[in-house]
């Protein structure tokens, strides 16, 4: 990560007043790897309905806005949170036991409590924070599609979105992966990375049956400059995020479209590619930060 950090600092130094606003919805009690990678250039908003004062920021080199005990939703207001035995499985949508009971460890989805929590839409959250988000990361258990579909301001501004998407209905009435993929395509985003998660239906009973079926995935979308031809391009944001995830070809696309910082950005990327320690995407973060 040290070489990657140097590269990101080089991108950020192309021009002045560079910063990135990032949202981590479903942050729970951790500061995500993305924030540590972005270092002093990030303004990070942490949001989690089960969060509390333990959502701390031990690294003072970046700015953090905490929104504990607030859930991200399609609309602002109040909603019923289904708190599950494993807190990370809690959702504003009810777990679908007809599906979860088919797989190992279904008890993690057992609802142990139902509480009313305040909710904020993406756009209302951005207004409250005081800035739109360049990067949106969501781990909100079956709600990603409807939250993205309801946004206008944030989704119109964002360069990258990372979200968990489900191939089966883990939560009743949720939008499934195919619909979310179509939505993001219509919004002008390219799918940049996908990491599948597999579940087995029964305990391992013979050698070779290890993986199970794909149930959900962590997805990363990036909106390239050509998707917004009428908007001036600050390629630093796109190149910064693309390189963080090891997407060098996409970083070059942002540099080429930036009429102000493009030449300096291209120089930084070319020096990195020629460097003796260059190791491509292997030095970058991946979707495990989600």
Protein backbone atom coordinates (compact mmCIF):
# COMPACT_ATOMS: atom_id res chain seq x y z
CA UNK A 1 0.00 0.00 0.00
CA UNK A 2 2.98 2.34 0.48
CA UNK A 3 3.61 2.63 -3.26
CA UNK A 4 -0.10 3.14 -3.87
CA UNK A 5 -0.21 5.90 -1.26
CA UNK A 6 2.65 7.70 -3.01
CA UNK A 7 0.83 7.43 -6.33
CA UNK A 8 -2.41 8.77 -4.85
CA UNK A 9 -0.54 11.69 -3.31
CA UNK A 10 0.94 12.40 -6.74
CA UNK A 11 -2.51 12.49 -8.33
CA UNK A 12 -3.82 14.77 -5.60
CA UNK A 13 -0.90 17.17 -6.08
CA UNK A 14 -1.92 17.90 -9.69
CA UNK A 15 -3.40 21.34 -9.06
CA UNK A 16 -4.78 22.82 -5.85
CA UNK A 17 -7.87 22.43 -3.65
CA UNK A 18 -8.23 18.71 -4.19
CA UNK A 19 -10.52 16.74 -1.91
CA UNK A 20 -12.92 13.82 -2.14
CA UNK A 21 -16.18 13.43 -0.25
CA UNK A 22 -16.98 9.80 0.57
CA UNK A 23 -19.92 8.06 2.23
CA UNK A 24 -19.69 4.73 4.05
CA UNK A 25 -23.27 3.63 4.80
CA UNK A 26 -23.34 0.53 6.96
CA UNK A 27 -20.08 1.54 8.61
CA UNK A 28 -20.88 -0.09 11.95
CA UNK A 29 -17.93 0.40 14.32
CA UNK A 30 -15.06 0.58 11.88
CA UNK A 31 -13.21 3.15 9.84
CA UNK A 32 -13.03 1.59 6.35
CA UNK A 33 -9.91 0.84 4.42
CA UNK A 34 -10.91 3.38 1.79
CA UNK A 35 -10.57 6.26 4.22
CA UNK A 36 -7.12 5.10 5.31
CA UNK A 37 -6.07 4.91 1.66
CA UNK A 38 -7.40 8.38 0.85
CA UNK A 39 -5.64 9.83 3.90
CA UNK A 40 -5.77 13.60 4.29
CA UNK A 41 -7.68 14.22 1.05
CA UNK A 42 -10.97 12.69 2.16
CA UNK A 43 -14.03 13.98 3.91
CA UNK A 44 -15.73 10.82 5.16
CA UNK A 45 -19.31 10.38 6.37
CA UNK A 46 -20.05 7.26 8.43
CA UNK A 47 -23.67 6.18 8.71
CA UNK A 48 -25.11 3.17 10.54
CA UNK A 49 -28.45 2.62 12.34
CA UNK A 50 -26.74 0.49 14.99
CA UNK A 51 -23.72 2.77 15.33
CA UNK A 52 -22.83 4.53 18.56
CA UNK A 53 -20.04 6.50 20.13
CA UNK A 54 -17.62 3.68 19.28
CA UNK A 55 -17.64 4.91 15.64
CA UNK A 56 -14.36 6.65 16.35
CA UNK A 57 -11.69 8.12 14.14
CA UNK A 58 -8.25 7.11 15.45
CA UNK A 59 -6.53 8.64 12.43
CA UNK A 60 -6.83 12.42 12.53
CA UNK A 61 -5.34 12.86 9.05
CA UNK A 62 -8.80 12.84 7.47
CA UNK A 63 -12.10 14.47 8.33
CA UNK A 64 -14.99 12.33 9.54
CA UNK A 65 -18.67 13.15 10.02
CA UNK A 66 -20.44 10.58 12.22
CA UNK A 67 -24.15 9.85 11.75
CA UNK A 68 -24.72 6.93 14.17
CA UNK A 69 -28.19 5.47 14.69
CA UNK A 70 -29.43 6.79 11.33
CA UNK A 71 -30.35 4.48 8.45
CA UNK A 72 -29.95 5.24 4.76
CA UNK A 73 -33.27 4.79 2.94
CA UNK A 74 -35.14 5.81 -0.18
CA UNK A 75 -36.99 8.48 1.81
CA UNK A 76 -36.22 10.51 4.90
CA UNK A 77 -38.38 9.97 7.95
CA UNK A 78 -38.74 7.01 10.30
CA UNK A 79 -38.71 3.28 9.51
CA UNK A 80 -38.75 -0.05 11.30
CA UNK A 81 -35.34 -1.69 11.60
CA UNK A 82 -35.31 -5.49 11.85
CA UNK A 83 -32.39 -6.15 14.21
CA UNK A 84 -30.98 -9.63 13.63
CA UNK A 85 -28.95 -12.03 15.74
CA UNK A 86 -25.92 -11.09 13.66
CA UNK A 87 -26.13 -7.28 13.70
CA UNK A 88 -24.56 -6.93 10.25
CA UNK A 89 -27.62 -8.69 8.76
CA UNK A 90 -30.07 -6.12 10.19
CA UNK A 91 -32.19 -4.30 7.61
CA UNK A 92 -35.14 -2.00 7.08
CA UNK A 93 -36.54 -4.91 5.07
CA UNK A 94 -37.59 -8.11 6.79
CA UNK A 95 -35.27 -11.09 6.26
CA UNK A 96 -36.77 -13.69 3.96
CA UNK A 97 -36.50 -16.91 5.98
CA UNK A 98 -37.86 -18.94 3.05
CA UNK A 99 -34.51 -18.21 1.37
CA UNK A 100 -32.12 -17.86 4.29
CA UNK A 101 -33.23 -21.15 5.89
CA UNK A 102 -31.94 -23.05 2.83
CA UNK A 103 -28.34 -22.20 3.67
CA UNK A 104 -25.85 -22.66 6.47
CA UNK A 105 -26.14 -20.54 9.61
CA UNK A 106 -29.68 -19.24 8.98
CA UNK A 107 -29.96 -18.17 12.62
CA UNK A 108 -27.84 -15.08 11.85
CA UNK A 109 -30.97 -13.67 10.17
CA UNK A 110 -33.24 -14.33 13.17
CA UNK A 111 -34.96 -11.08 14.11
CA UNK A 112 -34.34 -10.43 17.81
CA UNK A 113 -35.76 -6.91 17.99
CA UNK A 114 -37.69 -4.37 15.91
CA UNK A 115 -36.99 -0.70 16.54
CA UNK A 116 -37.97 2.54 14.85
CA UNK A 117 -34.99 4.52 13.55
CA UNK A 118 -34.61 7.85 11.78
CA UNK A 119 -33.83 7.59 8.07
CA UNK A 120 -32.21 9.87 5.54
CA UNK A 121 -32.23 9.68 1.76
CA UNK A 122 -28.94 10.04 -0.07
CA UNK A 123 -29.81 13.55 -1.22
CA UNK A 124 -31.02 14.73 2.19
CA UNK A 125 -27.91 13.27 3.83
CA UNK A 126 -25.66 15.14 1.39
CA UNK A 127 -27.55 18.36 2.10
CA UNK A 128 -27.16 17.80 5.84
CA UNK A 129 -23.44 17.11 5.51
CA UNK A 130 -23.05 20.14 3.26
CA UNK A 131 -21.50 18.54 0.18
CA UNK A 132 -22.38 15.88 -2.41
CA UNK A 133 -20.49 12.60 -2.41
CA UNK A 134 -17.84 11.69 -4.97
CA UNK A 135 -17.74 8.09 -3.74
CA UNK A 136 -20.70 6.22 -2.25
CA UNK A 137 -20.19 2.87 -0.50
CA UNK A 138 -23.27 1.03 0.77
CA UNK A 139 -23.61 -2.19 2.75
CA UNK A 140 -27.27 -1.75 3.67
CA UNK A 141 -28.76 -5.24 3.33
CA UNK A 142 -31.17 -5.30 0.41
CA UNK A 143 -31.76 -1.55 0.10
CA UNK A 144 -29.03 -0.42 -2.31
CA UNK A 145 -31.17 -0.41 -5.44
CA UNK A 146 -34.08 1.59 -4.05
CA UNK A 147 -31.75 4.11 -2.36
CA UNK A 148 -29.87 4.72 -5.61
CA UNK A 149 -33.10 4.92 -7.65
CA UNK A 150 -34.50 7.61 -5.32
CA UNK A 151 -31.43 9.86 -5.56
CA UNK A 152 -31.08 12.76 -7.95
CA UNK A 153 -28.41 15.12 -6.61
CA UNK A 154 -25.91 12.59 -5.24
CA UNK A 155 -26.20 10.05 -8.02
CA UNK A 156 -25.87 12.87 -10.54
CA UNK A 157 -22.62 14.00 -8.94
CA UNK A 158 -20.93 10.75 -7.87
CA UNK A 159 -17.99 9.32 -9.79
CA UNK A 160 -17.94 5.88 -8.13
CA UNK A 161 -20.44 3.70 -6.27
CA UNK A 162 -19.75 0.47 -4.39
CA UNK A 163 -22.65 -1.59 -3.09
CA UNK A 164 -23.69 -5.05 -2.05
CA UNK A 165 -26.20 -6.57 -4.48
CA UNK A 166 -28.16 -9.81 -4.05
CA UNK A 167 -28.99 -12.45 -6.66
CA UNK A 168 -31.74 -13.97 -4.50
CA UNK A 169 -34.35 -12.32 -2.29
CA UNK A 170 -32.60 -12.39 1.07
CA UNK A 171 -34.90 -9.59 2.22
CA UNK A 172 -38.58 -9.46 1.35
CA UNK A 173 -39.42 -7.21 -1.58
CA UNK A 174 -35.87 -6.07 -2.27
CA UNK A 175 -34.52 -5.07 -5.68
CA UNK A 176 -32.35 -7.87 -7.06
CA UNK A 177 -28.95 -7.61 -8.71
CA UNK A 178 -30.22 -7.61 -12.31
CA UNK A 179 -32.46 -4.60 -11.68
CA UNK A 180 -29.67 -2.74 -9.86
CA UNK A 181 -27.27 -3.44 -12.73
CA UNK A 182 -29.79 -2.08 -15.24
CA UNK A 183 -30.38 1.00 -13.09
CA UNK A 184 -26.67 1.79 -12.84
CA UNK A 185 -26.24 1.30 -16.59
CA UNK A 186 -29.09 3.73 -17.25
CA UNK A 187 -27.46 6.24 -14.89
CA UNK A 188 -24.28 6.16 -16.96
CA UNK A 189 -22.07 3.98 -14.76
CA UNK A 190 -19.78 1.22 -16.02
CA UNK A 191 -19.39 -1.93 -13.94
CA UNK A 192 -15.71 -1.90 -12.94
CA UNK A 193 -15.43 -4.84 -10.52
CA UNK A 194 -17.56 -7.64 -9.07
CA UNK A 195 -16.70 -9.98 -6.21
CA UNK A 196 -19.14 -12.84 -5.70
CA UNK A 197 -20.02 -14.32 -2.31
CA UNK A 198 -20.98 -18.01 -2.22
CA UNK A 199 -23.13 -19.92 0.27
CA UNK A 200 -23.54 -23.67 0.69
CA UNK A 201 -26.93 -25.24 1.41
CA UNK A 202 -25.57 -28.03 3.61
CA UNK A 203 -22.37 -28.74 5.54
CA UNK A 204 -19.49 -29.94 3.43
CA UNK A 205 -20.05 -33.67 2.95
CA UNK A 206 -17.57 -34.64 0.26
CA UNK A 207 -14.28 -33.42 -1.11
CA UNK A 208 -14.79 -30.97 -3.96
CA UNK A 209 -18.07 -29.34 -2.90
CA UNK A 210 -16.54 -26.23 -1.40
CA UNK A 211 -17.91 -23.12 -2.97
CA UNK A 212 -21.72 -23.24 -2.98
CA UNK A 213 -23.98 -20.94 -5.02
CA UNK A 214 -23.49 -17.21 -5.69
CA UNK A 215 -25.92 -15.40 -3.39
CA UNK A 216 -24.70 -11.81 -3.43
CA UNK A 217 -21.76 -9.74 -4.61
CA UNK A 218 -19.81 -6.59 -3.88
CA UNK A 219 -20.01 -4.41 -6.98
CA UNK A 220 -18.06 -1.32 -8.00
CA UNK A 221 -19.30 1.09 -10.66
CA UNK A 222 -17.42 4.07 -12.09
CA UNK A 223 -18.92 6.76 -14.31
CA UNK A 224 -16.45 7.74 -17.01
CA UNK A 225 -16.21 11.27 -18.45
CA UNK A 226 -17.98 10.37 -21.69
CA UNK A 227 -21.13 9.58 -19.72
CA UNK A 228 -21.41 13.30 -18.86
CA UNK A 229 -20.18 15.11 -21.98
CA UNK A 230 -21.63 18.48 -20.94
CA UNK A 231 -19.84 18.55 -17.59
CA UNK A 232 -16.28 19.88 -17.17
CA UNK A 233 -14.02 17.07 -16.08
CA UNK A 234 -11.78 17.21 -13.03
CA UNK A 235 -9.98 13.97 -13.80
CA UNK A 236 -8.17 13.91 -10.46
CA UNK A 237 -11.20 12.51 -8.62
CA UNK A 238 -11.79 9.72 -11.14
CA UNK A 239 -8.08 8.90 -11.51
CA UNK A 240 -7.64 8.88 -7.73
CA UNK A 241 -10.53 6.45 -7.17
CA UNK A 242 -9.67 4.29 -10.19
CA UNK A 243 -6.07 3.87 -9.07
CA UNK A 244 -7.14 3.12 -5.51
CA UNK A 245 -8.90 0.05 -6.93
CA UNK A 246 -6.10 -0.76 -9.38
CA UNK A 247 -8.06 0.28 -12.50
CA UNK A 248 -5.22 1.90 -14.42
CA UNK A 249 -6.98 1.99 -17.79
CA UNK A 250 -9.89 3.94 -16.29
CA UNK A 251 -7.49 6.33 -14.57
CA UNK A 252 -5.94 7.08 -17.96
CA UNK A 253 -9.42 7.82 -19.37
CA UNK A 254 -9.97 10.47 -16.70
CA UNK A 255 -6.56 12.02 -17.34
CA UNK A 256 -7.21 12.21 -21.08
CA UNK A 257 -10.54 14.00 -20.57
CA UNK A 258 -9.24 16.62 -18.10
CA UNK A 259 -8.31 19.80 -19.96
CA UNK A 260 -6.87 21.46 -16.85
CA UNK A 261 -4.93 18.75 -15.01
CA UNK A 262 -4.73 16.10 -17.74
CA UNK A 263 -1.09 16.58 -18.69
CA UNK A 264 0.13 16.48 -15.09
CA UNK A 265 -2.10 13.50 -14.35
CA UNK A 266 -0.76 11.59 -17.35
CA UNK A 267 2.80 12.28 -16.22
CA UNK A 268 2.05 10.90 -12.74
CA UNK A 269 0.44 7.77 -14.15
CA UNK A 270 3.23 7.20 -16.67
CA UNK A 271 5.93 7.57 -14.03
CA UNK A 272 4.10 5.04 -11.88
CA UNK A 273 3.89 2.60 -14.79
CA UNK A 274 7.63 2.93 -15.48
CA UNK A 275 8.64 2.73 -11.83
CA UNK A 276 10.75 -0.22 -10.64
CA UNK A 277 8.23 -1.08 -7.92
CA UNK A 278 5.16 -0.88 -10.13
CA UNK A 279 2.95 -3.90 -9.62
CA UNK A 280 -0.40 -2.81 -11.04
CA UNK A 281 -3.64 -3.75 -9.41
CA UNK A 282 -1.89 -6.02 -6.97
CA UNK A 283 -0.77 -2.97 -4.99
CA UNK A 284 -4.24 -1.49 -4.94
CA UNK A 285 -7.20 -2.01 -2.69
CA UNK A 286 -9.95 -4.38 -3.70
CA UNK A 287 -13.58 -4.91 -2.81
CA UNK A 288 -12.65 -6.57 0.45
CA UNK A 289 -12.66 -3.07 1.96
CA UNK A 290 -16.45 -3.25 1.72
